[in-house]
PDB file of N, CA and C in Angstrom:
ATOM      1  N   MET A   1      57.189 -37.543 -91.220  1.00  0.00           N
ATOM      2  CA  MET A   1      57.405 -36.608 -90.132  1.00  0.00           C
ATOM      3  C   MET A   1      58.651 -36.985 -89.326  1.00  0.00           C
ATOM      4  N   LYS A   2      58.774 -38.281 -89.058  1.00  0.00           N
ATOM      5  CA  LYS A   2      59.916 -38.758 -88.278  1.00  0.00           C
ATOM      6  C   LYS A   2      61.225 -38.491 -89.032  1.00  0.00           C
ATOM      7  N   ASN A   3      61.216 -38.739 -90.354  1.00  0.00           N
ATOM      8  CA  ASN A   3      62.412 -38.483 -91.166  1.00  0.00           C
ATOM      9  C   ASN A   3      62.755 -37.002 -91.191  1.00  0.00           C
ATOM     10  N   THR A   4      61.754 -36.159 -91.208  1.00  0.00           N
ATOM     11  CA  THR A   4      61.978 -34.718 -91.208  1.00  0.00           C
ATOM     12  C   THR A   4      62.634 -34.285 -89.900  1.00  0.00           C
ATOM     13  N   LEU A   5      62.157 -34.815 -88.783  1.00  0.00           N
ATOM     14  CA  LEU A   5      62.742 -34.478 -87.486  1.00  0.00           C
ATOM     15  C   LEU A   5      64.184 -34.961 -87.392  1.00  0.00           C
ATOM     16  N   ILE A   6      64.463 -36.132 -87.929  1.00  0.00           N
ATOM     17  CA  ILE A   6      65.826 -36.656 -87.913  1.00  0.00           C
ATOM     18  C   ILE A   6      66.734 -35.767 -88.764  1.00  0.00           C
ATOM     19  N   CYS A   7      66.249 -35.348 -89.920  1.00  0.00           N
ATOM     20  CA  CYS A   7      67.033 -34.464 -90.791  1.00  0.00           C
ATOM     21  C   CYS A   7      67.311 -33.127 -90.115  1.00  0.00           C
ATOM     22  N   ILE A   8      66.328 -32.570 -89.463  1.00  0.00           N
ATOM     23  CA  ILE A   8      66.499 -31.288 -88.758  1.00  0.00           C
ATOM     24  C   ILE A   8      67.498 -31.451 -87.624  1.00  0.00           C
ATOM     25  N   ALA A   9      67.365 -32.540 -86.858  1.00  0.00           N
ATOM     26  CA  ALA A   9      68.291 -32.784 -85.752  1.00  0.00           C
ATOM     27  C   ALA A   9      69.716 -32.948 -86.269  1.00  0.00           C
ATOM     28  N   ALA A  10      69.888 -33.693 -87.365  1.00  0.00           N
ATOM     29  CA  ALA A  10      71.219 -33.897 -87.949  1.00  0.00           C
ATOM     30  C   ALA A  10      71.788 -32.566 -88.438  1.00  0.00           C
ATOM     31  N   PHE A  11      70.968 -31.741 -89.070  1.00  0.00           N
ATOM     32  CA  PHE A  11      71.420 -30.434 -89.552  1.00  0.00           C
ATOM     33  C   PHE A  11      71.862 -29.546 -88.389  1.00  0.00           C
ATOM     34  N   LEU A  12      71.086 -29.503 -87.315  1.00  0.00           N
ATOM     35  CA  LEU A  12      71.438 -28.693 -86.155  1.00  0.00           C
ATOM     36  C   LEU A  12      72.717 -29.193 -85.504  1.00  0.00           C
ATOM     37  N   PHE A  13      72.895 -30.504 -85.454  1.00  0.00           N
ATOM     38  CA  PHE A  13      74.106 -31.070 -84.861  1.00  0.00           C
ATOM     39  C   PHE A  13      75.334 -30.679 -85.676  1.00  0.00           C
ATOM     40  N   VAL A  14      75.264 -30.823 -86.987  1.00  0.00           N
ATOM     41  CA  VAL A  14      76.385 -30.483 -87.860  1.00  0.00           C
ATOM     42  C   VAL A  14      76.676 -28.989 -87.786  1.00  0.00           C
ATOM     43  N   THR A  15      75.655 -28.179 -87.788  1.00  0.00           N
ATOM     44  CA  THR A  15      75.831 -26.736 -87.702  1.00  0.00           C
ATOM     45  C   THR A  15      76.466 -26.346 -86.370  1.00  0.00           C
ATOM     46  N   ALA A  16      75.987 -26.931 -85.295  1.00  0.00           N
ATOM     47  CA  ALA A  16      76.534 -26.613 -83.974  1.00  0.00           C
ATOM     48  C   ALA A  16      77.983 -27.044 -83.876  1.00  0.00           C
ATOM     49  N   CYS A  17      78.315 -28.200 -84.412  1.00  0.00           N
ATOM     50  CA  CYS A  17      79.701 -28.669 -84.367  1.00  0.00           C
ATOM     51  C   CYS A  17      80.612 -27.743 -85.157  1.00  0.00           C
ATOM     52  N   GLY A  18      80.168 -27.322 -86.310  1.00  0.00           N
ATOM     53  CA  GLY A  18      80.978 -26.411 -87.120  1.00  0.00           C
ATOM     54  C   GLY A  18      81.187 -25.084 -86.427  1.00  0.00           C
ATOM     55  N   THR A  19      80.159 -24.572 -85.793  1.00  0.00           N
ATOM     56  CA  THR A  19      80.259 -23.306 -85.081  1.00  0.00           C
ATOM     57  C   THR A  19      81.182 -23.433 -83.878  1.00  0.00           C
ATOM     58  N   ALA A  20      81.056 -24.529 -83.136  1.00  0.00           N
ATOM     59  CA  ALA A  20      81.891 -24.726 -81.953  1.00  0.00           C
ATOM     60  C   ALA A  20      83.363 -24.773 -82.340  1.00  0.00           C
ATOM     61  N   THR A  21      83.675 -25.449 -83.418  1.00  0.00           N
ATOM     62  CA  THR A  21      85.058 -25.543 -83.855  1.00  0.00           C
ATOM     63  C   THR A  21      85.601 -24.177 -84.249  1.00  0.00           C
ATOM     64  N   SER A  22      84.826 -23.412 -84.998  1.00  0.00           N
ATOM     65  CA  SER A  22      85.306 -22.102 -85.414  1.00  0.00           C
ATOM     66  C   SER A  22      85.436 -21.162 -84.211  1.00  0.00           C
ATOM     67  N   ASN A  23      84.552 -21.278 -83.237  1.00  0.00           N
ATOM     68  CA  ASN A  23      84.667 -20.456 -82.035  1.00  0.00           C
ATOM     69  C   ASN A  23      85.926 -20.814 -81.262  1.00  0.00           C
ATOM     70  N   ILE A  24      86.225 -22.097 -81.170  1.00  0.00           N
ATOM     71  CA  ILE A  24      87.437 -22.520 -80.472  1.00  0.00           C
ATOM     72  C   ILE A  24      88.667 -21.998 -81.205  1.00  0.00           C
ATOM     73  N   ASP A  25      88.655 -22.087 -82.529  1.00  0.00           N
ATOM     74  CA  ASP A  25      89.778 -21.568 -83.312  1.00  0.00           C
ATOM     75  C   ASP A  25      89.933 -20.059 -83.119  1.00  0.00           C
ATOM     76  N   MET A  26      88.820 -19.343 -83.067  1.00  0.00           N
ATOM     77  CA  MET A  26      88.868 -17.894 -82.854  1.00  0.00           C
ATOM     78  C   MET A  26      89.440 -17.580 -81.477  1.00  0.00           C
ATOM     79  N   ILE A  27      89.051 -18.356 -80.475  1.00  0.00           N
ATOM     80  CA  ILE A  27      89.560 -18.133 -79.117  1.00  0.00           C
ATOM     81  C   ILE A  27      91.056 -18.418 -79.059  1.00  0.00           C
ATOM     82  N   LYS A  28      91.494 -19.503 -79.689  1.00  0.00           N
ATOM     83  CA  LYS A  28      92.920 -19.827 -79.721  1.00  0.00           C
ATOM     84  C   LYS A  28      93.718 -18.721 -80.392  1.00  0.00           C
ATOM     85  N   GLU A  29      93.227 -18.220 -81.509  1.00  0.00           N
ATOM     86  CA  GLU A  29      93.922 -17.147 -82.226  1.00  0.00           C
ATOM     87  C   GLU A  29      93.985 -15.881 -81.370  1.00  0.00           C
ATOM     88  N   ARG A  30      92.912 -15.580 -80.691  1.00  0.00           N
ATOM     89  CA  ARG A  30      92.893 -14.382 -79.836  1.00  0.00           C
ATOM     90  C   ARG A  30      93.873 -14.515 -78.676  1.00  0.00           C
ATOM     91  N   LEU A  31      93.950 -15.725 -78.081  1.00  0.00           N
ATOM     92  CA  LEU A  31      94.907 -15.962 -77.005  1.00  0.00           C
ATOM     93  C   LEU A  31      96.342 -15.839 -77.514  1.00  0.00           C
ATOM     94  N   THR A  32      96.589 -16.345 -78.716  1.00  0.00           N
ATOM     95  CA  THR A  32      97.916 -16.244 -79.315  1.00  0.00           C
ATOM     96  C   THR A  32      98.287 -14.783 -79.548  1.00  0.00           C
ATOM     97  N   GLU A  33      97.361 -14.015 -80.101  1.00  0.00           N
ATOM     98  CA  GLU A  33      97.613 -12.591 -80.344  1.00  0.00           C
ATOM     99  C   GLU A  33      97.830 -11.836 -79.041  1.00  0.00           C
ATOM    100  N   ASN A  34      97.046 -12.151 -78.008  1.00  0.00           N
ATOM    101  CA  ASN A  34      97.204 -11.478 -76.717  1.00  0.00           C
ATOM    102  C   ASN A  34      98.539 -11.828 -76.067  1.00  0.00           C
ATOM    103  N   GLY A  35      98.960 -13.095 -76.172  1.00  0.00           N
ATOM    104  CA  GLY A  35     100.261 -13.483 -75.627  1.00  0.00           C
ATOM    105  C   GLY A  35     101.392 -12.737 -76.304  1.00  0.00           C
ATOM    106  N   CYS A  36     101.291 -12.587 -77.605  1.00  0.00           N
ATOM    107  CA  CYS A  36     102.299 -11.841 -78.366  1.00  0.00           C
ATOM    108  C   CYS A  36     102.269 -10.363 -77.979  1.00  0.00           C
ATOM    109  N   ARG A  37     101.083  -9.799 -77.848  1.00  0.00           N
ATOM    110  CA  ARG A  37     100.957  -8.377 -77.468  1.00  0.00           C
ATOM    111  C   ARG A  37     101.561  -8.129 -76.088  1.00  0.00           C
ATOM    112  N   ILE A  38     101.279  -9.009 -75.150  1.00  0.00           N
ATOM    113  CA  ILE A  38     101.823  -8.857 -73.790  1.00  0.00           C
ATOM    114  C   ILE A  38     103.350  -8.924 -73.828  1.00  0.00           C
ATOM    115  N   ASN A  39     103.895  -9.826 -74.633  1.00  0.00           N
ATOM    116  CA  ASN A  39     105.346  -9.944 -74.751  1.00  0.00           C
ATOM    117  C   ASN A  39     105.948  -8.682 -75.370  1.00  0.00           C
ATOM    118  N   ARG A  40     105.289  -8.133 -76.406  1.00  0.00           N
ATOM    119  CA  ARG A  40     105.774  -6.889 -77.027  1.00  0.00           C
ATOM    120  C   ARG A  40     105.742  -5.734 -76.039  1.00  0.00           C
ATOM    121  N   GLU A  41     104.674  -5.651 -75.257  1.00  0.00           N
ATOM    122  CA  GLU A  41     104.563  -4.569 -74.271  1.00  0.00           C
ATOM    123  C   GLU A  41     105.642  -4.694 -73.196  1.00  0.00           C
ATOM    124  N   GLU A  42     105.966  -5.918 -72.800  1.00  0.00           N
ATOM    125  CA  GLU A  42     107.040  -6.121 -71.820  1.00  0.00           C
ATOM    126  C   GLU A  42     108.388  -5.749 -72.431  1.00  0.00           C
ATOM    127  N   LEU A  43     108.586  -6.065 -73.694  1.00  0.00           N
ATOM    128  CA  LEU A  43     109.815  -5.670 -74.392  1.00  0.00           C
ATOM    129  C   LEU A  43     109.960  -4.153 -74.389  1.00  0.00           C
ATOM    130  N   ILE A  44     108.890  -3.457 -74.706  1.00  0.00           N
ATOM    131  CA  ILE A  44     108.915  -1.991 -74.706  1.00  0.00           C
ATOM    132  C   ILE A  44     109.217  -1.458 -73.312  1.00  0.00           C
ATOM    133  N   PHE A  45     108.591  -2.041 -72.297  1.00  0.00           N
ATOM    134  CA  PHE A  45     108.833  -1.612 -70.918  1.00  0.00           C
ATOM    135  C   PHE A  45     110.303  -1.776 -70.558  1.00  0.00           C
ATOM    136  N   GLN A  46     110.886  -2.928 -70.890  1.00  0.00           N
ATOM    137  CA  GLN A  46     112.296  -3.176 -70.574  1.00  0.00           C
ATOM    138  C   GLN A  46     113.216  -2.241 -71.352  1.00  0.00           C
ATOM    139  N   MET A  47     112.888  -1.985 -72.616  1.00  0.00           N
ATOM    140  CA  MET A  47     113.705  -1.066 -73.411  1.00  0.00           C
ATOM    141  C   MET A  47     113.657   0.347 -72.840  1.00  0.00           C
ATOM    142  N   ARG A  48     112.473   0.779 -72.431  1.00  0.00           N
ATOM    143  CA  ARG A  48     112.358   2.134 -71.856  1.00  0.00           C
ATOM    144  C   ARG A  48     113.138   2.244 -70.555  1.00  0.00           C
ATOM    145  N   GLU A  49     113.120   1.179 -69.769  1.00  0.00           N
ATOM    146  CA  GLU A  49     113.893   1.193 -68.526  1.00  0.00           C
ATOM    147  C   GLU A  49     115.388   1.295 -68.836  1.00  0.00           C
ATOM    148  N   LEU A  50     115.866   0.527 -69.811  1.00  0.00           N
ATOM    149  CA  LEU A  50     117.269   0.616 -70.215  1.00  0.00           C
ATOM    150  C   LEU A  50     117.605   2.003 -70.743  1.00  0.00           C
ATOM    151  N   GLU A  51     116.722   2.572 -71.541  1.00  0.00           N
ATOM    152  CA  GLU A  51     116.957   3.908 -72.077  1.00  0.00           C
ATOM    153  C   GLU A  51     117.060   4.931 -70.953  1.00  0.00           C
ATOM    154  N   TYR A  52     116.207   4.794 -69.950  1.00  0.00           N
ATOM    155  CA  TYR A  52     116.239   5.728 -68.818  1.00  0.00           C
ATOM    156  C   TYR A  52     117.557   5.582 -68.054  1.00  0.00           C
ATOM    157  N   LEU A  53     117.928   4.345 -67.766  1.00  0.00           N
ATOM    158  CA  LEU A  53     119.143   4.106 -66.981  1.00  0.00           C
ATOM    159  C   LEU A  53     120.407   4.501 -67.737  1.00  0.00           C
ATOM    160  N   GLN A  54     120.409   4.323 -69.053  1.00  0.00           N
ATOM    161  CA  GLN A  54     121.599   4.618 -69.845  1.00  0.00           C
ATOM    162  C   GLN A  54     121.532   5.971 -70.542  1.00  0.00           C
ATOM    163  N   ASP A  55     120.444   6.708 -70.330  1.00  0.00           N
ATOM    164  CA  ASP A  55     120.242   8.031 -70.931  1.00  0.00           C
ATOM    165  C   ASP A  55     120.501   8.000 -72.441  1.00  0.00           C
ATOM    166  N   THR A  56     119.744   7.137 -73.118  1.00  0.00           N
ATOM    167  CA  THR A  56     119.891   6.972 -74.558  1.00  0.00           C
ATOM    168  C   THR A  56     118.538   6.643 -75.178  1.00  0.00           C
ATOM    169  N   VAL A  57     118.484   6.614 -76.500  1.00  0.00           N
ATOM    170  CA  VAL A  57     117.288   6.181 -77.232  1.00  0.00           C
ATOM    171  C   VAL A  57     117.747   5.150 -78.259  1.00  0.00           C
ATOM    172  N   TYR A  58     117.143   3.991 -78.210  1.00  0.00           N
ATOM    173  CA  TYR A  58     117.524   2.921 -79.142  1.00  0.00           C
ATOM    174  C   TYR A  58     116.759   3.034 -80.449  1.00  0.00           C
ATOM    175  N   THR A  59     117.484   2.844 -81.554  1.00  0.00           N
ATOM    176  CA  THR A  59     116.842   2.792 -82.859  1.00  0.00           C
ATOM    177  C   THR A  59     116.776   1.353 -83.368  1.00  0.00           C
ATOM    178  N   GLU A  60     117.342   0.433 -82.600  1.00  0.00           N
ATOM    179  CA  GLU A  60     117.253  -1.002 -82.846  1.00  0.00           C
ATOM    180  C   GLU A  60     117.003  -1.686 -81.515  1.00  0.00           C
ATOM    181  N   ILE A  61     116.471  -2.889 -81.556  1.00  0.00           N
ATOM    182  CA  ILE A  61     116.255  -3.643 -80.323  1.00  0.00           C
ATOM    183  C   ILE A  61     117.621  -4.059 -79.778  1.00  0.00           C
ATOM    184  N   PRO A  62     117.955  -3.669 -78.537  1.00  0.00           N
ATOM    185  CA  PRO A  62     119.260  -4.016 -77.966  1.00  0.00           C
ATOM    186  C   PRO A  62     119.276  -5.476 -77.486  1.00  0.00           C
ATOM    187  N   GLN A  63     119.395  -6.401 -78.423  1.00  0.00           N
ATOM    188  CA  GLN A  63     119.269  -7.823 -78.127  1.00  0.00           C
ATOM    189  C   GLN A  63     120.191  -8.319 -77.012  1.00  0.00           C
ATOM    190  N   PRO A  64     121.464  -7.923 -76.986  1.00  0.00           N
ATOM    191  CA  PRO A  64     122.342  -8.465 -75.933  1.00  0.00           C
ATOM    192  C   PRO A  64     121.951  -8.033 -74.517  1.00  0.00           C
ATOM    193  N   LEU A  65     121.184  -6.962 -74.406  1.00  0.00           N
ATOM    194  CA  LEU A  65     120.833  -6.436 -73.086  1.00  0.00           C
ATOM    195  C   LEU A  65     119.506  -6.969 -72.548  1.00  0.00           C
ATOM    196  N   LEU A  66     118.802  -7.762 -73.348  1.00  0.00           N
ATOM    197  CA  LEU A  66     117.468  -8.223 -72.969  1.00  0.00           C
ATOM    198  C   LEU A  66     117.401  -9.742 -72.946  1.00  0.00           C
ATOM    199  N   GLU A  67     116.422 -10.248 -72.205  1.00  0.00           N
ATOM    200  CA  GLU A  67     116.201 -11.696 -72.169  1.00  0.00           C
ATOM    201  C   GLU A  67     115.763 -12.183 -73.547  1.00  0.00           C
ATOM    202  N   ASP A  68     116.220 -13.375 -73.914  1.00  0.00           N
ATOM    203  CA  ASP A  68     115.885 -13.933 -75.223  1.00  0.00           C
ATOM    204  C   ASP A  68     114.384 -14.088 -75.423  1.00  0.00           C
ATOM    205  N   SER A  69     113.645 -14.400 -74.360  1.00  0.00           N
ATOM    206  CA  SER A  69     112.199 -14.618 -74.482  1.00  0.00           C
ATOM    207  C   SER A  69     111.453 -13.341 -74.874  1.00  0.00           C
ATOM    208  N   LEU A  70     112.018 -12.178 -74.599  1.00  0.00           N
ATOM    209  CA  LEU A  70     111.373 -10.911 -74.952  1.00  0.00           C
ATOM    210  C   LEU A  70     111.563 -10.557 -76.424  1.00  0.00           C
ATOM    211  N   LEU A  71     112.536 -11.170 -77.066  1.00  0.00           N
ATOM    212  CA  LEU A  71     112.913 -10.789 -78.420  1.00  0.00           C
ATOM    213  C   LEU A  71     112.094 -11.470 -79.501  1.00  0.00           C
ATOM    214  N   VAL A  72     111.309 -12.491 -79.122  1.00  0.00           N
ATOM    215  CA  VAL A  72     110.610 -13.304 -80.120  1.00  0.00           C
ATOM    216  C   VAL A  72     109.131 -13.448 -79.788  1.00  0.00           C
ATOM    217  N   CYS A  73     108.351 -13.716 -80.833  1.00  0.00           N
ATOM    218  CA  CYS A  73     106.934 -14.028 -80.663  1.00  0.00           C
ATOM    219  C   CYS A  73     106.840 -15.347 -79.897  1.00  0.00           C
ATOM    220  N   PRO A  74     106.059 -15.391 -78.820  1.00  0.00           N
ATOM    221  CA  PRO A  74     105.991 -16.610 -78.017  1.00  0.00           C
ATOM    222  C   PRO A  74     105.379 -17.808 -78.738  1.00  0.00           C
ATOM    223  N   SER A  75     104.597 -17.590 -79.773  1.00  0.00           N
ATOM    224  CA  SER A  75     103.964 -18.725 -80.448  1.00  0.00           C
ATOM    225  C   SER A  75     104.750 -19.214 -81.659  1.00  0.00           C
ATOM    226  N   THR A  76     105.535 -18.341 -82.310  1.00  0.00           N
ATOM    227  CA  THR A  76     106.255 -18.754 -83.510  1.00  0.00           C
ATOM    228  C   THR A  76     107.775 -18.682 -83.371  1.00  0.00           C
ATOM    229  N   SER A  77     108.261 -18.050 -82.323  1.00  0.00           N
ATOM    230  CA  SER A  77     109.703 -17.865 -82.078  1.00  0.00           C
ATOM    231  C   SER A  77     110.397 -17.042 -83.160  1.00  0.00           C
ATOM    232  N   GLN A  78     109.643 -16.220 -83.890  1.00  0.00           N
ATOM    233  CA  GLN A  78     110.236 -15.311 -84.871  1.00  0.00           C
ATOM    234  C   GLN A  78     110.650 -14.028 -84.162  1.00  0.00           C
ATOM    235  N   LEU A  79     111.812 -13.499 -84.538  1.00  0.00           N
ATOM    236  CA  LEU A  79     112.302 -12.257 -83.941  1.00  0.00           C
ATOM    237  C   LEU A  79     111.396 -11.088 -84.284  1.00  0.00           C
ATOM    238  N   TYR A  80     111.149 -10.239 -83.275  1.00  0.00           N
ATOM    239  CA  TYR A  80     110.391  -9.019 -83.519  1.00  0.00           C
ATOM    240  C   TYR A  80     111.218  -8.066 -84.377  1.00  0.00           C
ATOM    241  N   ILE A  81     110.519  -7.186 -85.079  1.00  0.00           N
ATOM    242  CA  ILE A  81     111.142  -6.168 -85.923  1.00  0.00           C
ATOM    243  C   ILE A  81     110.816  -4.808 -85.319  1.00  0.00           C
ATOM    244  N   MET A  82     111.803  -3.923 -85.301  1.00  0.00           N
ATOM    245  CA  MET A  82     111.559  -2.568 -84.807  1.00  0.00           C
ATOM    246  C   MET A  82     111.632  -1.605 -85.981  1.00  0.00           C
ATOM    247  N   ALA A  83     110.560  -0.853 -86.189  1.00  0.00           N
ATOM    248  CA  ALA A  83     110.506   0.159 -87.241  1.00  0.00           C
ATOM    249  C   ALA A  83     110.567   1.532 -86.591  1.00  0.00           C
ATOM    250  N   VAL A  84     111.365   2.413 -87.168  1.00  0.00           N
ATOM    251  CA  VAL A  84     111.522   3.771 -86.643  1.00  0.00           C
ATOM    252  C   VAL A  84     111.049   4.751 -87.702  1.00  0.00           C
ATOM    253  N   ASP A  85     110.150   5.656 -87.278  1.00  0.00           N
ATOM    254  CA  ASP A  85     109.642   6.699 -88.169  1.00  0.00           C
ATOM    255  C   ASP A  85     109.678   8.014 -87.400  1.00  0.00           C
ATOM    256  N   GLY A  86     110.758   8.754 -87.555  1.00  0.00           N
ATOM    257  CA  GLY A  86     110.919   9.988 -86.798  1.00  0.00           C
ATOM    258  C   GLY A  86     111.081   9.668 -85.319  1.00  0.00           C
ATOM    259  N   ASN A  87     110.189  10.214 -84.490  1.00  0.00           N
ATOM    260  CA  ASN A  87     110.215   9.930 -83.062  1.00  0.00           C
ATOM    261  C   ASN A  87     109.360   8.726 -82.681  1.00  0.00           C
ATOM    262  N   ASP A  88     108.645   8.173 -83.638  1.00  0.00           N
ATOM    263  CA  ASP A  88     107.777   7.029 -83.374  1.00  0.00           C
ATOM    264  C   ASP A  88     108.523   5.734 -83.630  1.00  0.00           C
ATOM    265  N   ARG A  89     108.431   4.824 -82.670  1.00  0.00           N
ATOM    266  CA  ARG A  89     109.038   3.502 -82.824  1.00  0.00           C
ATOM    267  C   ARG A  89     107.944   2.455 -82.663  1.00  0.00           C
ATOM    268  N   THR A  90     108.050   1.380 -83.440  1.00  0.00           N
ATOM    269  CA  THR A  90     107.037   0.335 -83.428  1.00  0.00           C
ATOM    270  C   THR A  90     107.719  -1.027 -83.409  1.00  0.00           C
ATOM    271  N   ILE A  91     107.243  -1.895 -82.506  1.00  0.00           N
ATOM    272  CA  ILE A  91     107.682  -3.285 -82.465  1.00  0.00           C
ATOM    273  C   ILE A  91     106.629  -4.081 -83.221  1.00  0.00           C
ATOM    274  N   ILE A  92     107.061  -4.819 -84.253  1.00  0.00           N
ATOM    275  CA  ILE A  92     106.149  -5.533 -85.134  1.00  0.00           C
ATOM    276  C   ILE A  92     106.391  -7.030 -85.017  1.00  0.00           C
ATOM    277  N   CYS A  93     105.312  -7.786 -84.934  1.00  0.00           N
ATOM    278  CA  CYS A  93     105.405  -9.248 -84.944  1.00  0.00           C
ATOM    279  C   CYS A  93     105.377  -9.707 -86.401  1.00  0.00           C
ATOM    280  N   PRO A  94     106.412 -10.403 -86.868  1.00  0.00           N
ATOM    281  CA  PRO A  94     106.434 -10.853 -88.259  1.00  0.00           C
ATOM    282  C   PRO A  94     105.410 -11.941 -88.553  1.00  0.00           C
ATOM    283  N   ALA A  95     104.828 -12.546 -87.520  1.00  0.00           N
ATOM    284  CA  ALA A  95     103.818 -13.587 -87.719  1.00  0.00           C
ATOM    285  C   ALA A  95     102.424 -12.995 -87.914  1.00  0.00           C
ATOM    286  N   GLY A  96     102.324 -11.664 -87.877  1.00  0.00           N
ATOM    287  CA  GLY A  96     101.041 -11.007 -88.112  1.00  0.00           C
ATOM    288  C   GLY A  96     100.166 -10.868 -86.888  1.00  0.00           C
ATOM    289  N   HIS A  97     100.759 -10.932 -85.687  1.00  0.00           N
ATOM    290  CA  HIS A  97      99.976 -10.796 -84.457  1.00  0.00           C
ATOM    291  C   HIS A  97      99.792  -9.357 -84.013  1.00  0.00           C
ATOM    292  N   GLY A  98     100.282  -8.417 -84.797  1.00  0.00           N
ATOM    293  CA  GLY A  98     100.068  -7.011 -84.470  1.00  0.00           C
ATOM    294  C   GLY A  98     101.363  -6.250 -84.248  1.00  0.00           C
ATOM    295  N   GLU A  99     101.205  -5.042 -83.760  1.00  0.00           N
ATOM    296  CA  GLU A  99     102.331  -4.170 -83.495  1.00  0.00           C
ATOM    297  C   GLU A  99     102.041  -3.308 -82.288  1.00  0.00           C
ATOM    298  N   SER A 100     103.125  -2.857 -81.646  1.00  0.00           N
ATOM    299  CA  SER A 100     103.002  -1.985 -80.475  1.00  0.00           C
ATOM    300  C   SER A 100     103.918  -0.782 -80.680  1.00  0.00           C
ATOM    301  N   SER A 101     103.359   0.405 -80.543  1.00  0.00           N
ATOM    302  CA  SER A 101     104.121   1.631 -80.771  1.00  0.00           C
ATOM    303  C   SER A 101     104.477   2.282 -79.449  1.00  0.00           C
ATOM    304  N   PHE A 102     105.603   3.004 -79.480  1.00  0.00           N
ATOM    305  CA  PHE A 102     106.016   3.794 -78.311  1.00  0.00           C
ATOM    306  C   PHE A 102     106.858   4.954 -78.762  1.00  0.00           C
TER     307      PHE A 102
END
């Protein structure tokens, strides 16, 4: 009986540790994705402001007119990609953190 209780306790401990680690990893990934999304949304906001002030529409990210921190994914420092499909424009994170359309 005592050995059975020890085995059950050990199993629960190992299971709980594995779950805690995966939950922490999931939270870290979600925070990374949210940080990237917030940066993309700020990039879009700044681009729209420039477009309004200059009475134009950009088909590429105007890198010289924006802060360097807005141009890259905050976790990987990879440059964002802008895809244009008709009137729809999308900022894409090359690290796979998502995309934002405007």
